[in-house]
Amino acid sequence: MKHTGIIATAAILLVTFQVLAQTNQPAKPDWIVTSNKPCKVWNPEPQPDESVTWSGTCEDWLASGKGILKWTENGKPAVEFDGVYAKGKRNGPGVIITPDGKRLAGVWVDDELITPEGGSI
């Protein structure tokens, strides 16, 4: 009977660790719909309780052209991107601005920063 208790305890611990491991996994990159219009933007690092607004235009339901993208997390301002989007991703010149005013300017291609200007945030 001792072995039954040990096996049951081990099974419970195994399930608990599997659940914890799954909940701590970072979310996979995906599209997010803006809260102010039916427009999608690429979200490279999804976070719980986040939302986004887009001031520019949308083509085929995707952010396009020049505009300002503002992220909020838990209802508080997070970062914003003032720049150019194409097909829902950062493409062209732009600047990331943090809530404390730090800035990172550069050029993006397919949502990847390829030419930073002035260092890092």
N, C-alpha and C. Protein backbone atom coordinates (compact mmCIF):
# COMPACT_ATOMS: atom_id res chain seq x y z
N MET A 1 0.81 -1.21 0.00
CA MET A 1 0.00 0.00 0.00
C MET A 1 0.85 1.27 0.00
N LYS A 2 2.05 1.19 0.57
CA LYS A 2 2.91 2.36 0.58
C LYS A 2 3.22 2.82 -0.84
N HIS A 3 3.42 1.86 -1.72
CA HIS A 3 3.76 2.20 -3.11
C HIS A 3 2.62 2.92 -3.81
N THR A 4 1.39 2.58 -3.49
CA THR A 4 0.24 3.24 -4.10
C THR A 4 0.22 4.72 -3.75
N GLY A 5 0.50 5.05 -2.50
CA GLY A 5 0.54 6.46 -2.07
C GLY A 5 1.65 7.23 -2.75
N ILE A 6 2.81 6.60 -2.87
CA ILE A 6 3.94 7.25 -3.52
C ILE A 6 3.64 7.48 -5.00
N ILE A 7 3.07 6.49 -5.65
CA ILE A 7 2.73 6.62 -7.07
C ILE A 7 1.68 7.72 -7.27
N ALA A 8 0.68 7.76 -6.40
CA ALA A 8 -0.36 8.79 -6.51
C ALA A 8 0.24 10.18 -6.31
N THR A 9 1.11 10.33 -5.32
CA THR A 9 1.76 11.62 -5.08
C THR A 9 2.62 12.03 -6.27
N ALA A 10 3.37 11.08 -6.81
CA ALA A 10 4.20 11.38 -7.98
C ALA A 10 3.36 11.79 -9.17
N ALA A 11 2.23 11.13 -9.37
CA ALA A 11 1.34 11.48 -10.49
C ALA A 11 0.78 12.88 -10.32
N ILE A 12 0.39 13.24 -9.11
CA ILE A 12 -0.14 14.59 -8.84
C ILE A 12 0.93 15.63 -9.09
N LEU A 13 2.15 15.37 -8.61
CA LEU A 13 3.24 16.32 -8.84
C LEU A 13 3.55 16.48 -10.32
N LEU A 14 3.55 15.38 -11.06
CA LEU A 14 3.82 15.43 -12.49
C LEU A 14 2.79 16.28 -13.22
N VAL A 15 1.52 16.08 -12.93
CA VAL A 15 0.46 16.86 -13.56
C VAL A 15 0.59 18.33 -13.17
N THR A 16 0.88 18.61 -11.91
CA THR A 16 1.03 19.99 -11.45
C THR A 16 2.16 20.68 -12.19
N PHE A 17 3.31 20.03 -12.31
CA PHE A 17 4.45 20.63 -13.01
C PHE A 17 4.16 20.83 -14.49
N GLN A 18 3.43 19.92 -15.11
CA GLN A 18 3.07 20.09 -16.52
C GLN A 18 2.16 21.29 -16.70
N VAL A 19 1.20 21.48 -15.82
CA VAL A 19 0.30 22.63 -15.91
C VAL A 19 1.07 23.92 -15.71
N LEU A 20 1.96 23.95 -14.71
CA LEU A 20 2.76 25.15 -14.47
C LEU A 20 3.67 25.46 -15.66
N ALA A 21 4.25 24.45 -16.24
CA ALA A 21 5.12 24.66 -17.40
C ALA A 21 4.34 25.23 -18.57
N GLN A 22 3.11 24.77 -18.77
CA GLN A 22 2.30 25.27 -19.87
C GLN A 22 1.88 26.71 -19.64
N THR A 23 1.56 27.08 -18.41
CA THR A 23 1.10 28.45 -18.14
C THR A 23 2.24 29.44 -18.18
N ASN A 24 3.48 29.00 -18.02
CA ASN A 24 4.62 29.91 -18.06
C ASN A 24 5.23 30.03 -19.45
N GLN A 25 4.69 29.32 -20.43
CA GLN A 25 5.19 29.41 -21.79
C GLN A 25 4.81 30.76 -22.39
N PRO A 26 5.75 31.43 -23.03
CA PRO A 26 5.38 32.68 -23.70
C PRO A 26 4.41 32.41 -24.84
N ALA A 27 3.50 33.33 -25.05
CA ALA A 27 2.53 33.18 -26.13
C ALA A 27 3.25 33.30 -27.47
N LYS A 28 2.74 32.60 -28.46
CA LYS A 28 3.33 32.64 -29.79
C LYS A 28 2.92 33.93 -30.50
N PRO A 29 3.81 34.46 -31.35
CA PRO A 29 3.45 35.65 -32.13
C PRO A 29 2.17 35.39 -32.93
N ASP A 30 1.34 36.42 -33.04
CA ASP A 30 0.05 36.27 -33.72
C ASP A 30 -0.49 37.66 -34.05
N TRP A 31 -1.58 37.70 -34.78
CA TRP A 31 -2.25 38.96 -35.11
C TRP A 31 -3.13 39.39 -33.95
N ILE A 32 -3.24 40.70 -33.75
CA ILE A 32 -4.14 41.26 -32.76
C ILE A 32 -5.01 42.29 -33.46
N VAL A 33 -6.29 42.33 -33.12
CA VAL A 33 -7.22 43.29 -33.71
C VAL A 33 -7.19 44.56 -32.86
N THR A 34 -7.07 45.70 -33.52
CA THR A 34 -7.05 46.97 -32.80
C THR A 34 -8.41 47.21 -32.15
N SER A 35 -8.39 47.91 -31.02
CA SER A 35 -9.63 48.13 -30.28
C SER A 35 -10.45 49.29 -30.81
N ASN A 36 -9.86 50.15 -31.65
CA ASN A 36 -10.58 51.33 -32.13
C ASN A 36 -11.13 51.19 -33.55
N LYS A 37 -10.75 50.13 -34.27
CA LYS A 37 -11.26 49.90 -35.63
C LYS A 37 -10.97 48.46 -36.01
N PRO A 38 -11.70 47.93 -36.98
CA PRO A 38 -11.45 46.53 -37.38
C PRO A 38 -10.19 46.41 -38.25
N CYS A 39 -9.05 46.41 -37.57
CA CYS A 39 -7.77 46.42 -38.26
C CYS A 39 -6.83 45.52 -37.45
N LYS A 40 -6.00 44.73 -38.14
CA LYS A 40 -5.08 43.85 -37.44
C LYS A 40 -3.65 44.32 -37.60
N VAL A 41 -2.85 44.06 -36.55
CA VAL A 41 -1.41 44.30 -36.59
C VAL A 41 -0.71 43.06 -36.04
N TRP A 42 0.53 42.88 -36.47
CA TRP A 42 1.32 41.75 -36.00
C TRP A 42 1.75 41.99 -34.56
N ASN A 43 1.60 40.97 -33.73
CA ASN A 43 1.97 41.04 -32.32
C ASN A 43 3.09 40.03 -32.06
N PRO A 44 4.35 40.50 -32.04
CA PRO A 44 5.46 39.57 -31.90
C PRO A 44 5.59 38.97 -30.50
N GLU A 45 5.04 39.64 -29.48
CA GLU A 45 5.15 39.17 -28.10
C GLU A 45 3.83 39.35 -27.36
N PRO A 46 2.82 38.53 -27.65
CA PRO A 46 1.53 38.69 -26.98
C PRO A 46 1.65 38.63 -25.46
N GLN A 47 0.92 39.52 -24.79
CA GLN A 47 0.90 39.60 -23.33
C GLN A 47 -0.54 39.51 -22.85
N PRO A 48 -0.74 39.01 -21.64
CA PRO A 48 -2.11 38.99 -21.10
C PRO A 48 -2.64 40.41 -20.92
N ASP A 49 -3.91 40.59 -21.09
CA ASP A 49 -4.58 41.88 -20.84
C ASP A 49 -3.96 43.04 -21.59
N GLU A 50 -3.64 42.84 -22.86
CA GLU A 50 -3.11 43.94 -23.66
C GLU A 50 -4.12 44.31 -24.74
N SER A 51 -4.02 45.56 -25.18
CA SER A 51 -4.84 46.01 -26.30
C SER A 51 -4.01 47.00 -27.10
N VAL A 52 -4.51 47.34 -28.29
CA VAL A 52 -3.75 48.21 -29.17
C VAL A 52 -4.72 49.06 -29.98
N THR A 53 -4.31 50.30 -30.26
CA THR A 53 -5.08 51.18 -31.16
C THR A 53 -4.16 51.61 -32.30
N TRP A 54 -4.78 51.93 -33.43
CA TRP A 54 -4.04 52.34 -34.63
C TRP A 54 -4.69 53.58 -35.19
N SER A 55 -3.87 54.63 -35.44
CA SER A 55 -4.41 55.90 -35.95
C SER A 55 -4.42 55.97 -37.47
N GLY A 56 -3.72 55.07 -38.13
CA GLY A 56 -3.61 55.12 -39.59
C GLY A 56 -4.74 54.39 -40.30
N THR A 57 -4.51 54.12 -41.56
CA THR A 57 -5.52 53.44 -42.38
C THR A 57 -5.33 51.93 -42.34
N CYS A 58 -6.33 51.24 -42.85
CA CYS A 58 -6.28 49.78 -42.95
C CYS A 58 -6.59 49.38 -44.38
N GLU A 59 -5.82 48.45 -44.90
CA GLU A 59 -6.07 47.88 -46.22
C GLU A 59 -6.22 46.38 -46.04
N ASP A 60 -7.32 45.83 -46.52
CA ASP A 60 -7.60 44.40 -46.36
C ASP A 60 -7.51 43.99 -44.90
N TRP A 61 -8.03 44.82 -44.01
CA TRP A 61 -8.11 44.57 -42.56
C TRP A 61 -6.75 44.63 -41.87
N LEU A 62 -5.70 45.13 -42.54
CA LEU A 62 -4.37 45.21 -41.96
C LEU A 62 -3.89 46.66 -41.92
N ALA A 63 -3.19 47.02 -40.83
CA ALA A 63 -2.65 48.37 -40.70
C ALA A 63 -1.75 48.69 -41.89
N SER A 64 -1.93 49.89 -42.44
CA SER A 64 -1.16 50.30 -43.61
C SER A 64 -0.87 51.79 -43.55
N GLY A 65 0.30 52.17 -44.08
CA GLY A 65 0.66 53.58 -44.15
C GLY A 65 1.21 54.12 -42.84
N LYS A 66 1.27 55.45 -42.78
CA LYS A 66 1.81 56.14 -41.60
C LYS A 66 0.74 56.23 -40.53
N GLY A 67 1.16 56.05 -39.29
CA GLY A 67 0.23 56.17 -38.17
C GLY A 67 0.93 55.94 -36.85
N ILE A 68 0.14 55.96 -35.79
CA ILE A 68 0.67 55.72 -34.45
C ILE A 68 -0.06 54.51 -33.88
N LEU A 69 0.71 53.52 -33.46
CA LEU A 69 0.19 52.32 -32.83
C LEU A 69 0.47 52.44 -31.34
N LYS A 70 -0.58 52.38 -30.51
CA LYS A 70 -0.41 52.51 -29.06
C LYS A 70 -0.83 51.22 -28.37
N TRP A 71 0.08 50.65 -27.58
CA TRP A 71 -0.19 49.44 -26.81
C TRP A 71 -0.54 49.82 -25.38
N THR A 72 -1.48 49.10 -24.80
CA THR A 72 -1.76 49.21 -23.37
C THR A 72 -1.71 47.80 -22.78
N GLU A 73 -1.25 47.73 -21.53
CA GLU A 73 -1.24 46.48 -20.79
C GLU A 73 -1.90 46.73 -19.45
N ASN A 74 -2.89 45.91 -19.13
CA ASN A 74 -3.67 46.08 -17.90
C ASN A 74 -4.24 47.49 -17.79
N GLY A 75 -4.64 48.06 -18.92
CA GLY A 75 -5.25 49.38 -18.95
C GLY A 75 -4.28 50.54 -18.85
N LYS A 76 -2.98 50.28 -18.79
CA LYS A 76 -1.98 51.34 -18.66
C LYS A 76 -1.18 51.44 -19.95
N PRO A 77 -0.77 52.67 -20.32
CA PRO A 77 0.03 52.82 -21.53
C PRO A 77 1.31 51.99 -21.46
N ALA A 78 1.61 51.32 -22.55
CA ALA A 78 2.85 50.54 -22.63
C ALA A 78 3.78 51.27 -23.60
N VAL A 79 3.99 50.74 -24.78
CA VAL A 79 4.84 51.42 -25.77
C VAL A 79 3.98 51.87 -26.93
N GLU A 80 4.54 52.78 -27.71
CA GLU A 80 3.87 53.16 -28.95
C GLU A 80 4.89 53.17 -30.07
N PHE A 81 4.37 53.01 -31.27
CA PHE A 81 5.20 53.03 -32.46
C PHE A 81 4.63 54.08 -33.39
N ASP A 82 5.43 55.07 -33.73
CA ASP A 82 5.05 56.13 -34.66
C ASP A 82 5.84 55.88 -35.93
N GLY A 83 5.14 55.39 -36.96
CA GLY A 83 5.86 55.06 -38.17
C GLY A 83 4.97 54.44 -39.23
N VAL A 84 5.60 53.67 -40.10
CA VAL A 84 4.94 53.14 -41.28
C VAL A 84 4.67 51.64 -41.12
N TYR A 85 3.45 51.27 -41.51
CA TYR A 85 3.03 49.86 -41.53
C TYR A 85 2.68 49.46 -42.95
N ALA A 86 2.92 48.20 -43.28
CA ALA A 86 2.49 47.62 -44.55
C ALA A 86 2.05 46.19 -44.26
N LYS A 87 0.85 45.85 -44.69
CA LYS A 87 0.29 44.51 -44.48
C LYS A 87 0.32 44.10 -43.01
N GLY A 88 0.05 45.08 -42.12
CA GLY A 88 -0.07 44.80 -40.70
C GLY A 88 1.22 44.71 -39.93
N LYS A 89 2.36 44.95 -40.60
CA LYS A 89 3.65 44.87 -39.92
C LYS A 89 4.43 46.16 -40.12
N ARG A 90 5.33 46.46 -39.16
CA ARG A 90 6.19 47.64 -39.30
C ARG A 90 7.07 47.45 -40.52
N ASN A 91 7.01 48.42 -41.42
CA ASN A 91 7.78 48.39 -42.66
C ASN A 91 8.12 49.81 -43.05
N GLY A 92 9.36 50.22 -42.79
CA GLY A 92 9.78 51.57 -43.11
C GLY A 92 10.28 52.29 -41.88
N PRO A 93 10.44 53.60 -41.98
CA PRO A 93 10.96 54.37 -40.85
C PRO A 93 9.94 54.47 -39.73
N GLY A 94 10.46 54.53 -38.51
CA GLY A 94 9.57 54.69 -37.37
C GLY A 94 10.36 54.84 -36.09
N VAL A 95 9.63 55.10 -35.01
CA VAL A 95 10.25 55.25 -33.70
C VAL A 95 9.37 54.58 -32.65
N ILE A 96 10.01 53.80 -31.78
CA ILE A 96 9.33 53.21 -30.62
C ILE A 96 9.52 54.19 -29.47
N ILE A 97 8.44 54.45 -28.74
CA ILE A 97 8.49 55.38 -27.60
C ILE A 97 7.95 54.65 -26.38
N THR A 98 8.74 54.61 -25.31
CA THR A 98 8.31 53.96 -24.07
C THR A 98 7.51 54.96 -23.23
N PRO A 99 6.77 54.48 -22.22
CA PRO A 99 5.99 55.40 -21.39
C PRO A 99 6.84 56.46 -20.68
N ASP A 100 8.12 56.15 -20.42
CA ASP A 100 8.98 57.14 -19.76
C ASP A 100 9.72 58.03 -20.75
N GLY A 101 9.36 57.95 -22.04
CA GLY A 101 9.89 58.87 -23.03
C GLY A 101 11.13 58.40 -23.78
N LYS A 102 11.65 57.24 -23.47
CA LYS A 102 12.82 56.74 -24.21
C LYS A 102 12.39 56.40 -25.63
N ARG A 103 13.32 56.60 -26.57
CA ARG A 103 12.99 56.44 -27.98
C ARG A 103 14.02 55.55 -28.68
N LEU A 104 13.53 54.80 -29.65
CA LEU A 104 14.39 54.01 -30.52
C LEU A 104 13.89 54.21 -31.94
N ALA A 105 14.67 54.97 -32.71
CA ALA A 105 14.30 55.24 -34.10
C ALA A 105 15.06 54.29 -35.01
N GLY A 106 14.46 53.98 -36.15
CA GLY A 106 15.14 53.12 -37.09
C GLY A 106 14.26 52.79 -38.27
N VAL A 107 14.68 51.78 -39.01
CA VAL A 107 13.94 51.31 -40.18
C VAL A 107 13.60 49.84 -39.95
N TRP A 108 12.35 49.49 -40.21
CA TRP A 108 11.86 48.13 -40.03
C TRP A 108 11.54 47.51 -41.39
N VAL A 109 11.76 46.20 -41.50
CA VAL A 109 11.35 45.43 -42.66
C VAL A 109 10.65 44.18 -42.14
N ASP A 110 9.40 44.00 -42.53
CA ASP A 110 8.62 42.83 -42.11
C ASP A 110 8.63 42.67 -40.59
N ASP A 111 8.49 43.79 -39.89
CA ASP A 111 8.40 43.88 -38.43
C ASP A 111 9.72 43.63 -37.71
N GLU A 112 10.83 43.60 -38.43
CA GLU A 112 12.15 43.44 -37.81
C GLU A 112 12.93 44.74 -37.95
N LEU A 113 13.53 45.20 -36.85
CA LEU A 113 14.37 46.39 -36.88
C LEU A 113 15.67 46.04 -37.59
N ILE A 114 15.94 46.72 -38.71
CA ILE A 114 17.17 46.41 -39.45
C ILE A 114 18.20 47.52 -39.37
N THR A 115 17.76 48.75 -39.15
CA THR A 115 18.68 49.88 -39.09
C THR A 115 18.34 50.76 -37.90
N PRO A 116 18.87 50.45 -36.71
CA PRO A 116 18.59 51.33 -35.57
C PRO A 116 19.36 52.63 -35.69
N GLU A 117 18.75 53.69 -35.22
CA GLU A 117 19.40 55.01 -35.20
C GLU A 117 19.54 55.44 -33.75
N GLY A 118 20.74 55.74 -33.34
CA GLY A 118 20.93 56.30 -32.00
C GLY A 118 20.94 55.29 -30.87
N GLY A 119 21.28 54.05 -31.12
CA GLY A 119 21.41 53.09 -30.03
C GLY A 119 20.13 52.39 -29.66
N SER A 120 20.05 52.01 -28.39
CA SER A 120 18.91 51.22 -27.94
C SER A 120 18.16 51.93 -26.83
N ILE A 121 17.01 51.37 -26.51
CA ILE A 121 16.19 51.94 -25.43
C ILE A 121 16.78 51.54 -24.11
